[in-house]
C-alpha cells in the first residue's frame, strides 16, 4: 500500500534531520500511530488504491521533507497538528465501519478525504 510506504519514507527522512529531538520524537510517534491505524483491515481496504488518499500522504511526505531540510517551528507544529487530524480521521473512519454506522450518517465521498482536503 502506497500510503504505508510514504509513512516509512517520512520516518527515514526524520533520521538525521535538524528537527529538535522533542519535535522529531513527536513526529515519529504520530507517523507510527498512523501506520498502526492503516494496518487495521477495514482502513487498509478503504484507502488501498485511493488516489486522493495517496495524494494526501504524498503531501505529508513533501511537507515533512521541507521541515527536515529547513527547520521551522511553526511549520513543524502545523505538520504535527495535521498528522494528529489525519490519524484521528482514519481511526474515526475505522471505528464507524466497525460499529456499522448507518449509511445516511456517512458523508458522500468518504469520511476522511473530504475533511483532509481542507488542509
Foldseek 3Di string as FASTA:
>chain_A
DLLLVLLVLLLVLLVPFPDDPVLSVLSNVLSVLLNVLCPPPVLVVVCVPPPLSNVLSVVLSVLSNVCRHPPDPVSSVVSSVLSVLLSVQSNVQVVCVVVVPDPVPADPPGRRSVVSVVD
